[in-house]
């Protein structure tokens, strides 16, 4: 049961973060100023993926991996719970 509570909290936090990113307004397009600081430069790959619509492929792959990981953890938790019950008897 503890695992389910942790997973529920993680899902709630991820959902909240996804909602926040959707609410943010699109930044205005301004002239790009090049600087030597890598933190201030735009990521061209991400912009290209967004323009081509391929960013959703990345999102689907990440969600598939996370879903598989969560399913694996739940089944592992159930197996461990069964073993704990066997040793208590």
PDB file of N, CA and C in Angstrom:
ATOM      1  N   UNK A   1       0.811  -1.204   0.000  1.00  0.00           N
ATOM      2  CA  UNK A   1       0.000   0.000   0.000  1.00  0.00           C
ATOM      3  C   UNK A   1       0.853   1.266   0.000  1.00  0.00           C
ATOM      4  N   UNK A   2       2.011   1.177   0.622  1.00  0.00           N
ATOM      5  CA  UNK A   2       2.875   2.346   0.677  1.00  0.00           C
ATOM      6  C   UNK A   2       3.337   2.737  -0.728  1.00  0.00           C
ATOM      7  N   UNK A   3       3.600   1.717  -1.566  1.00  0.00           N
ATOM      8  CA  UNK A   3       4.027   1.981  -2.936  1.00  0.00           C
ATOM      9  C   UNK A   3       2.939   2.703  -3.714  1.00  0.00           C
ATOM     10  N   UNK A   4       1.681   2.308  -3.500  1.00  0.00           N
ATOM     11  CA  UNK A   4       0.571   2.952  -4.194  1.00  0.00           C
ATOM     12  C   UNK A   4       0.437   4.417  -3.797  1.00  0.00           C
ATOM     13  N   UNK A   5       0.675   4.723  -2.540  1.00  0.00           N
ATOM     14  CA  UNK A   5       0.623   6.117  -2.090  1.00  0.00           C
ATOM     15  C   UNK A   5       1.728   6.937  -2.736  1.00  0.00           C
ATOM     16  N   UNK A   6       2.920   6.356  -2.809  1.00  0.00           N
ATOM     17  CA  UNK A   6       4.046   7.061  -3.434  1.00  0.00           C
ATOM     18  C   UNK A   6       3.764   7.283  -4.913  1.00  0.00           C
ATOM     19  N   UNK A   7       3.244   6.257  -5.596  1.00  0.00           N
ATOM     20  CA  UNK A   7       2.919   6.391  -7.016  1.00  0.00           C
ATOM     21  C   UNK A   7       1.819   7.426  -7.244  1.00  0.00           C
ATOM     22  N   UNK A   8       0.837   7.463  -6.354  1.00  0.00           N
ATOM     23  CA  UNK A   8      -0.240   8.435  -6.486  1.00  0.00           C
ATOM     24  C   UNK A   8       0.293   9.858  -6.329  1.00  0.00           C
ATOM     25  N   UNK A   9       1.190  10.053  -5.379  1.00  0.00           N
ATOM     26  CA  UNK A   9       1.779  11.376  -5.172  1.00  0.00           C
ATOM     27  C   UNK A   9       2.608  11.783  -6.386  1.00  0.00           C
ATOM     28  N   UNK A  10       3.401  10.839  -6.926  1.00  0.00           N
ATOM     29  CA  UNK A  10       4.216  11.139  -8.119  1.00  0.00           C
ATOM     30  C   UNK A  10       3.335  11.488  -9.311  1.00  0.00           C
ATOM     31  N   UNK A  11       2.245  10.738  -9.497  1.00  0.00           N
ATOM     32  CA  UNK A  11       1.331  11.024 -10.602  1.00  0.00           C
ATOM     33  C   UNK A  11       0.679  12.395 -10.430  1.00  0.00           C
ATOM     34  N   UNK A  12       0.317  12.732  -9.205  1.00  0.00           N
ATOM     35  CA  UNK A  12      -0.288  14.035  -8.941  1.00  0.00           C
ATOM     36  C   UNK A  12       0.698  15.166  -9.259  1.00  0.00           C
ATOM     37  N   UNK A  13       1.943  14.990  -8.845  1.00  0.00           N
ATOM     38  CA  UNK A  13       2.958  16.021  -9.100  1.00  0.00           C
ATOM     39  C   UNK A  13       3.216  16.155 -10.592  1.00  0.00           C
ATOM     40  N   UNK A  14       3.340  15.022 -11.308  1.00  0.00           N
ATOM     41  CA  UNK A  14       3.560  15.076 -12.748  1.00  0.00           C
ATOM     42  C   UNK A  14       2.372  15.716 -13.464  1.00  0.00           C
ATOM     43  N   UNK A  15       1.170  15.404 -13.029  1.00  0.00           N
ATOM     44  CA  UNK A  15      -0.019  16.014 -13.622  1.00  0.00           C
ATOM     45  C   UNK A  15      -0.062  17.514 -13.382  1.00  0.00           C
ATOM     46  N   UNK A  16       0.321  17.915 -12.189  1.00  0.00           N
ATOM     47  CA  UNK A  16       0.344  19.344 -11.880  1.00  0.00           C
ATOM     48  C   UNK A  16       1.389  20.063 -12.728  1.00  0.00           C
ATOM     49  N   UNK A  17       2.557  19.442 -12.888  1.00  0.00           N
ATOM     50  CA  UNK A  17       3.596  20.059 -13.707  1.00  0.00           C
ATOM     51  C   UNK A  17       3.171  20.133 -15.173  1.00  0.00           C
ATOM     52  N   UNK A  18       2.494  19.108 -15.649  1.00  0.00           N
ATOM     53  CA  UNK A  18       2.021  19.125 -17.035  1.00  0.00           C
ATOM     54  C   UNK A  18       0.976  20.221 -17.225  1.00  0.00           C
ATOM     55  N   UNK A  19       0.128  20.421 -16.231  1.00  0.00           N
ATOM     56  CA  UNK A  19      -0.875  21.477 -16.305  1.00  0.00           C
ATOM     57  C   UNK A  19      -0.248  22.856 -16.288  1.00  0.00           C
ATOM     58  N   UNK A  20       0.799  23.008 -15.514  1.00  0.00           N
ATOM     59  CA  UNK A  20       1.462  24.307 -15.434  1.00  0.00           C
ATOM     60  C   UNK A  20       2.125  24.645 -16.762  1.00  0.00           C
ATOM     61  N   UNK A  21       2.756  23.665 -17.382  1.00  0.00           N
ATOM     62  CA  UNK A  21       3.449  23.952 -18.640  1.00  0.00           C
ATOM     63  C   UNK A  21       2.475  24.254 -19.757  1.00  0.00           C
ATOM     64  N   UNK A  22       1.260  23.713 -19.708  1.00  0.00           N
ATOM     65  CA  UNK A  22       0.274  23.997 -20.736  1.00  0.00           C
ATOM     66  C   UNK A  22      -0.332  25.381 -20.562  1.00  0.00           C
ATOM     67  N   UNK A  23      -0.366  25.876 -19.338  1.00  0.00           N
ATOM     68  CA  UNK A  23      -0.981  27.165 -19.063  1.00  0.00           C
ATOM     69  C   UNK A  23      -0.063  28.319 -19.457  1.00  0.00           C
ATOM     70  N   UNK A  24       1.238  28.080 -19.429  1.00  0.00           N
ATOM     71  CA  UNK A  24       2.186  29.153 -19.726  1.00  0.00           C
ATOM     72  C   UNK A  24       1.975  29.662 -21.142  1.00  0.00           C
ATOM     73  N   UNK A  25       2.068  30.961 -21.278  1.00  0.00           N
ATOM     74  CA  UNK A  25       1.865  31.592 -22.584  1.00  0.00           C
ATOM     75  C   UNK A  25       3.070  31.344 -23.480  1.00  0.00           C
ATOM     76  N   UNK A  26       2.817  31.382 -24.771  1.00  0.00           N
ATOM     77  CA  UNK A  26       3.901  31.228 -25.734  1.00  0.00           C
ATOM     78  C   UNK A  26       4.785  32.475 -25.667  1.00  0.00           C
ATOM     79  N   UNK A  27       6.088  32.292 -25.637  1.00  0.00           N
ATOM     80  CA  UNK A  27       6.966  33.466 -25.597  1.00  0.00           C
ATOM     81  C   UNK A  27       6.921  34.194 -26.937  1.00  0.00           C
ATOM     82  N   UNK A  28       7.047  35.497 -26.849  1.00  0.00           N
ATOM     83  CA  UNK A  28       7.061  36.298 -28.069  1.00  0.00           C
ATOM     84  C   UNK A  28       8.346  36.040 -28.827  1.00  0.00           C
ATOM     85  N   UNK A  29       8.237  36.034 -30.151  1.00  0.00           N
ATOM     86  CA  UNK A  29       9.432  35.816 -30.950  1.00  0.00           C
ATOM     87  C   UNK A  29      10.196  37.127 -31.043  1.00  0.00           C
ATOM     88  N   UNK A  30      11.405  37.062 -30.606  1.00  0.00           N
ATOM     89  CA  UNK A  30      12.273  38.222 -30.651  1.00  0.00           C
ATOM     90  C   UNK A  30      13.528  37.848 -31.412  1.00  0.00           C
ATOM     91  N   UNK A  31      14.297  38.826 -31.696  1.00  0.00           N
ATOM     92  CA  UNK A  31      15.536  38.575 -32.405  1.00  0.00           C
ATOM     93  C   UNK A  31      16.476  37.817 -31.481  1.00  0.00           C
ATOM     94  N   UNK A  32      17.080  36.758 -31.994  1.00  0.00           N
ATOM     95  CA  UNK A  32      17.957  35.924 -31.188  1.00  0.00           C
ATOM     96  C   UNK A  32      19.306  36.607 -31.042  1.00  0.00           C
ATOM     97  N   UNK A  33      19.717  36.748 -29.793  1.00  0.00           N
ATOM     98  CA  UNK A  33      21.026  37.310 -29.522  1.00  0.00           C
ATOM     99  C   UNK A  33      21.941  36.168 -29.124  1.00  0.00           C
ATOM    100  N   UNK A  34      23.055  36.058 -29.777  1.00  0.00           N
ATOM    101  CA  UNK A  34      23.988  34.989 -29.486  1.00  0.00           C
ATOM    102  C   UNK A  34      24.904  35.412 -28.358  1.00  0.00           C
ATOM    103  N   UNK A  35      25.067  34.500 -27.433  1.00  0.00           N
ATOM    104  CA  UNK A  35      25.948  34.785 -26.308  1.00  0.00           C
ATOM    105  C   UNK A  35      26.854  33.583 -26.089  1.00  0.00           C
ATOM    106  N   UNK A  36      27.871  33.787 -25.308  1.00  0.00           N
ATOM    107  CA  UNK A  36      28.808  32.704 -25.027  1.00  0.00           C
ATOM    108  C   UNK A  36      28.296  31.788 -23.924  1.00  0.00           C
ATOM    109  N   UNK A  37      27.258  32.200 -23.205  1.00  0.00           N
ATOM    110  CA  UNK A  37      26.700  31.404 -22.122  1.00  0.00           C
ATOM    111  C   UNK A  37      25.768  30.344 -22.710  1.00  0.00           C
ATOM    112  N   UNK A  38      26.048  29.042 -22.519  1.00  0.00           N
ATOM    113  CA  UNK A  38      25.199  28.009 -23.108  1.00  0.00           C
ATOM    114  C   UNK A  38      23.800  27.962 -22.503  1.00  0.00           C
ATOM    115  N   UNK A  39      23.621  28.479 -21.293  1.00  0.00           N
ATOM    116  CA  UNK A  39      22.299  28.454 -20.670  1.00  0.00           C
ATOM    117  C   UNK A  39      21.340  29.429 -21.337  1.00  0.00           C
ATOM    118  N   UNK A  40      21.858  30.443 -21.999  1.00  0.00           N
ATOM    119  CA  UNK A  40      21.010  31.459 -22.620  1.00  0.00           C
ATOM    120  C   UNK A  40      20.653  31.153 -24.073  1.00  0.00           C
ATOM    121  N   UNK A  41      21.279  30.158 -24.663  1.00  0.00           N
ATOM    122  CA  UNK A  41      21.006  29.847 -26.063  1.00  0.00           C
ATOM    123  C   UNK A  41      19.783  28.954 -26.172  1.00  0.00           C
ATOM    124  N   UNK A  42      19.066  29.059 -27.294  1.00  0.00           N
ATOM    125  CA  UNK A  42      17.902  28.225 -27.535  1.00  0.00           C
ATOM    126  C   UNK A  42      18.351  26.854 -28.015  1.00  0.00           C
ATOM    127  N   UNK A  43      17.537  25.854 -27.743  1.00  0.00           N
ATOM    128  CA  UNK A  43      17.850  24.505 -28.185  1.00  0.00           C
ATOM    129  C   UNK A  43      17.174  24.293 -29.528  1.00  0.00           C
ATOM    130  N   UNK A  44      17.966  24.195 -30.569  1.00  0.00           N
ATOM    131  CA  UNK A  44      17.422  24.103 -31.920  1.00  0.00           C
ATOM    132  C   UNK A  44      16.714  22.780 -32.155  1.00  0.00           C
ATOM    133  N   UNK A  45      17.228  21.699 -31.556  1.00  0.00           N
ATOM    134  CA  UNK A  45      16.626  20.392 -31.773  1.00  0.00           C
ATOM    135  C   UNK A  45      15.187  20.363 -31.249  1.00  0.00           C
ATOM    136  N   UNK A  46      14.966  20.928 -30.074  1.00  0.00           N
ATOM    137  CA  UNK A  46      13.629  20.947 -29.507  1.00  0.00           C
ATOM    138  C   UNK A  46      12.686  21.786 -30.360  1.00  0.00           C
ATOM    139  N   UNK A  47      13.174  22.904 -30.871  1.00  0.00           N
ATOM    140  CA  UNK A  47      12.344  23.739 -31.741  1.00  0.00           C
ATOM    141  C   UNK A  47      11.983  23.010 -33.023  1.00  0.00           C
ATOM    142  N   UNK A  48      12.938  22.284 -33.578  1.00  0.00           N
ATOM    143  CA  UNK A  48      12.674  21.528 -34.800  1.00  0.00           C
ATOM    144  C   UNK A  48      11.660  20.424 -34.540  1.00  0.00           C
ATOM    145  N   UNK A  49      11.792  19.729 -33.411  1.00  0.00           N
ATOM    146  CA  UNK A  49      10.846  18.667 -33.088  1.00  0.00           C
ATOM    147  C   UNK A  49       9.442  19.227 -32.899  1.00  0.00           C
ATOM    148  N   UNK A  50       9.340  20.400 -32.283  1.00  0.00           N
ATOM    149  CA  UNK A  50       8.026  21.015 -32.096  1.00  0.00           C
ATOM    150  C   UNK A  50       7.417  21.418 -33.434  1.00  0.00           C
ATOM    151  N   UNK A  51       8.219  21.987 -34.313  1.00  0.00           N
ATOM    152  CA  UNK A  51       7.705  22.427 -35.611  1.00  0.00           C
ATOM    153  C   UNK A  51       7.250  21.245 -36.455  1.00  0.00           C
ATOM    154  N   UNK A  52       7.986  20.142 -36.416  1.00  0.00           N
ATOM    155  CA  UNK A  52       7.637  18.975 -37.219  1.00  0.00           C
ATOM    156  C   UNK A  52       6.538  18.130 -36.579  1.00  0.00           C
ATOM    157  N   UNK A  53       6.213  18.395 -35.334  1.00  0.00           N
ATOM    158  CA  UNK A  53       5.207  17.607 -34.631  1.00  0.00           C
ATOM    159  C   UNK A  53       5.763  16.306 -34.080  1.00  0.00           C
ATOM    160  N   UNK A  54       7.068  16.134 -34.132  1.00  0.00           N
ATOM    161  CA  UNK A  54       7.672  14.897 -33.652  1.00  0.00           C
ATOM    162  C   UNK A  54       7.914  14.907 -32.151  1.00  0.00           C
ATOM    163  N   UNK A  55       7.679  16.024 -31.515  1.00  0.00           N
ATOM    164  CA  UNK A  55       7.856  16.085 -30.066  1.00  0.00           C
ATOM    165  C   UNK A  55       6.882  15.134 -29.379  1.00  0.00           C
ATOM    166  N   UNK A  56       5.742  14.886 -30.020  1.00  0.00           N
ATOM    167  CA  UNK A  56       4.756  13.972 -29.440  1.00  0.00           C
ATOM    168  C   UNK A  56       5.253  12.542 -29.468  1.00  0.00           C
ATOM    169  N   UNK A  57       6.092  12.199 -30.428  1.00  0.00           N
ATOM    170  CA  UNK A  57       6.700  10.867 -30.446  1.00  0.00           C
ATOM    171  C   UNK A  57       7.601  10.702 -29.223  1.00  0.00           C
ATOM    172  N   UNK A  58       8.340  11.730 -28.909  1.00  0.00           N
ATOM    173  CA  UNK A  58       9.206  11.699 -27.729  1.00  0.00           C
ATOM    174  C   UNK A  58       8.364  11.563 -26.471  1.00  0.00           C
ATOM    175  N   UNK A  59       7.282  12.303 -26.390  1.00  0.00           N
ATOM    176  CA  UNK A  59       6.406  12.248 -25.212  1.00  0.00           C
ATOM    177  C   UNK A  59       5.801  10.852 -25.073  1.00  0.00           C
ATOM    178  N   UNK A  60       5.345  10.261 -26.170  1.00  0.00           N
ATOM    179  CA  UNK A  60       4.740   8.927 -26.115  1.00  0.00           C
ATOM    180  C   UNK A  60       5.765   7.884 -25.682  1.00  0.00           C
ATOM    181  N   UNK A  61       6.982   7.980 -26.179  1.00  0.00           N
ATOM    182  CA  UNK A  61       8.021   7.027 -25.781  1.00  0.00           C
ATOM    183  C   UNK A  61       8.324   7.163 -24.295  1.00  0.00           C
ATOM    184  N   UNK A  62       8.447   8.389 -23.816  1.00  0.00           N
ATOM    185  CA  UNK A  62       8.710   8.593 -22.384  1.00  0.00           C
ATOM    186  C   UNK A  62       7.571   8.072 -21.518  1.00  0.00           C
ATOM    187  N   UNK A  63       6.337   8.329 -21.932  1.00  0.00           N
ATOM    188  CA  UNK A  63       5.190   7.827 -21.175  1.00  0.00           C
ATOM    189  C   UNK A  63       5.133   6.309 -21.189  1.00  0.00           C
ATOM    190  N   UNK A  64       5.496   5.693 -22.312  1.00  0.00           N
ATOM    191  CA  UNK A  64       5.510   4.239 -22.391  1.00  0.00           C
ATOM    192  C   UNK A  64       6.550   3.653 -21.446  1.00  0.00           C
ATOM    193  N   UNK A  65       7.719   4.252 -21.416  1.00  0.00           N
ATOM    194  CA  UNK A  65       8.773   3.770 -20.517  1.00  0.00           C
ATOM    195  C   UNK A  65       8.352   3.940 -19.060  1.00  0.00           C
ATOM    196  N   UNK A  66       7.800   5.095 -18.715  1.00  0.00           N
ATOM    197  CA  UNK A  66       7.365   5.330 -17.336  1.00  0.00           C
ATOM    198  C   UNK A  66       6.223   4.399 -16.933  1.00  0.00           C
ATOM    199  N   UNK A  67       5.288   4.158 -17.861  1.00  0.00           N
ATOM    200  CA  UNK A  67       4.186   3.248 -17.571  1.00  0.00           C
ATOM    201  C   UNK A  67       4.704   1.830 -17.333  1.00  0.00           C
ATOM    202  N   UNK A  68       5.635   1.390 -18.171  1.00  0.00           N
ATOM    203  CA  UNK A  68       6.230   0.070 -17.976  1.00  0.00           C
ATOM    204  C   UNK A  68       6.955  -0.045 -16.658  1.00  0.00           C
ATOM    205  N   UNK A  69       7.662   1.001 -16.276  1.00  0.00           N
ATOM    206  CA  UNK A  69       8.367   1.006 -15.000  1.00  0.00           C
ATOM    207  C   UNK A  69       7.394   0.943 -13.824  1.00  0.00           C
ATOM    208  N   UNK A  70       6.314   1.681 -13.909  1.00  0.00           N
ATOM    209  CA  UNK A  70       5.313   1.665 -12.835  1.00  0.00           C
ATOM    210  C   UNK A  70       4.654   0.297 -12.736  1.00  0.00           C
ATOM    211  N   UNK A  71       4.313  -0.305 -13.868  1.00  0.00           N
ATOM    212  CA  UNK A  71       3.704  -1.644 -13.852  1.00  0.00           C
ATOM    213  C   UNK A  71       4.673  -2.658 -13.250  1.00  0.00           C
ATOM    214  N   UNK A  72       5.935  -2.548 -13.628  1.00  0.00           N
ATOM    215  CA  UNK A  72       6.945  -3.450 -13.072  1.00  0.00           C
ATOM    216  C   UNK A  72       7.042  -3.288 -11.556  1.00  0.00           C
ATOM    217  N   UNK A  73       7.057  -2.059 -11.066  1.00  0.00           N
ATOM    218  CA  UNK A  73       7.153  -1.824  -9.623  1.00  0.00           C
ATOM    219  C   UNK A  73       5.936  -2.356  -8.878  1.00  0.00           C
ATOM    220  N   UNK A  74       4.760  -2.207  -9.471  1.00  0.00           N
ATOM    221  CA  UNK A  74       3.541  -2.698  -8.818  1.00  0.00           C
ATOM    222  C   UNK A  74       3.570  -4.215  -8.731  1.00  0.00           C
ATOM    223  N   UNK A  75       3.931  -4.895  -9.827  1.00  0.00           N
ATOM    224  CA  UNK A  75       3.980  -6.363  -9.787  1.00  0.00           C
ATOM    225  C   UNK A  75       5.067  -6.847  -8.831  1.00  0.00           C
ATOM    226  N   UNK A  76       6.195  -6.164  -8.792  1.00  0.00           N
ATOM    227  CA  UNK A  76       7.258  -6.529  -7.862  1.00  0.00           C
ATOM    228  C   UNK A  76       6.801  -6.348  -6.417  1.00  0.00           C
ATOM    229  N   UNK A  77       6.060  -5.288  -6.145  1.00  0.00           N
ATOM    230  CA  UNK A  77       5.541  -5.044  -4.807  1.00  0.00           C
ATOM    231  C   UNK A  77       4.570  -6.150  -4.396  1.00  0.00           C
ATOM    232  N   UNK A  78       3.726  -6.589  -5.325  1.00  0.00           N
ATOM    233  CA  UNK A  78       2.786  -7.677  -5.007  1.00  0.00           C
ATOM    234  C   UNK A  78       3.528  -8.973  -4.711  1.00  0.00           C
ATOM    235  N   UNK A  79       4.558  -9.281  -5.486  1.00  0.00           N
ATOM    236  CA  UNK A  79       5.328 -10.505  -5.248  1.00  0.00           C
ATOM    237  C   UNK A  79       6.028 -10.458  -3.900  1.00  0.00           C
ATOM    238  N   UNK A  80       6.605  -9.317  -3.572  1.00  0.00           N
ATOM    239  CA  UNK A  80       7.275  -9.175  -2.276  1.00  0.00           C
ATOM    240  C   UNK A  80       6.257  -9.293  -1.145  1.00  0.00           C
ATOM    241  N   UNK A  81       5.070  -8.725  -1.333  1.00  0.00           N
ATOM    242  CA  UNK A  81       4.025  -8.844  -0.315  1.00  0.00           C
ATOM    243  C   UNK A  81       3.614 -10.283  -0.082  1.00  0.00           C
ATOM    244  N   UNK A  82       3.500 -11.062  -1.146  1.00  0.00           N
ATOM    245  CA  UNK A  82       3.154 -12.491  -1.005  1.00  0.00           C
ATOM    246  C   UNK A  82       4.255 -13.237  -0.263  1.00  0.00           C
ATOM    247  N   UNK A  83       5.513 -12.941  -0.589  1.00  0.00           N
ATOM    248  CA  UNK A  83       6.620 -13.601   0.110  1.00  0.00           C
ATOM    249  C   UNK A  83       6.648 -13.225   1.588  1.00  0.00           C
ATOM    250  N   UNK A  84       6.350 -11.966   1.895  1.00  0.00           N
ATOM    251  CA  UNK A  84       6.313 -11.552   3.310  1.00  0.00           C
ATOM    252  C   UNK A  84       5.223 -12.291   4.058  1.00  0.00           C
ATOM    253  N   UNK A  85       4.076 -12.495   3.426  1.00  0.00           N
ATOM    254  CA  UNK A  85       2.992 -13.232   4.082  1.00  0.00           C
ATOM    255  C   UNK A  85       3.388 -14.690   4.311  1.00  0.00           C
ATOM    256  N   UNK A  86       4.112 -15.288   3.351  1.00  0.00           N
ATOM    257  CA  UNK A  86       4.544 -16.669   3.528  1.00  0.00           C
ATOM    258  C   UNK A  86       5.515 -16.819   4.681  1.00  0.00           C
ATOM    259  N   UNK A  87       6.428 -15.859   4.860  1.00  0.00           N
ATOM    260  CA  UNK A  87       7.398 -15.951   5.934  1.00  0.00           C
ATOM    261  C   UNK A  87       6.798 -15.648   7.301  1.00  0.00           C
ATOM    262  N   UNK A  88       5.695 -14.917   7.344  1.00  0.00           N
ATOM    263  CA  UNK A  88       5.048 -14.613   8.614  1.00  0.00           C
ATOM    264  C   UNK A  88       4.333 -15.843   9.159  1.00  0.00           C
ATOM    265  N   UNK A  89       3.900 -16.744   8.295  1.00  0.00           N
ATOM    266  CA  UNK A  89       3.171 -17.932   8.727  1.00  0.00           C
ATOM    267  C   UNK A  89       4.012 -18.958   9.359  1.00  0.00           C
TER     268      UNK A  89
END
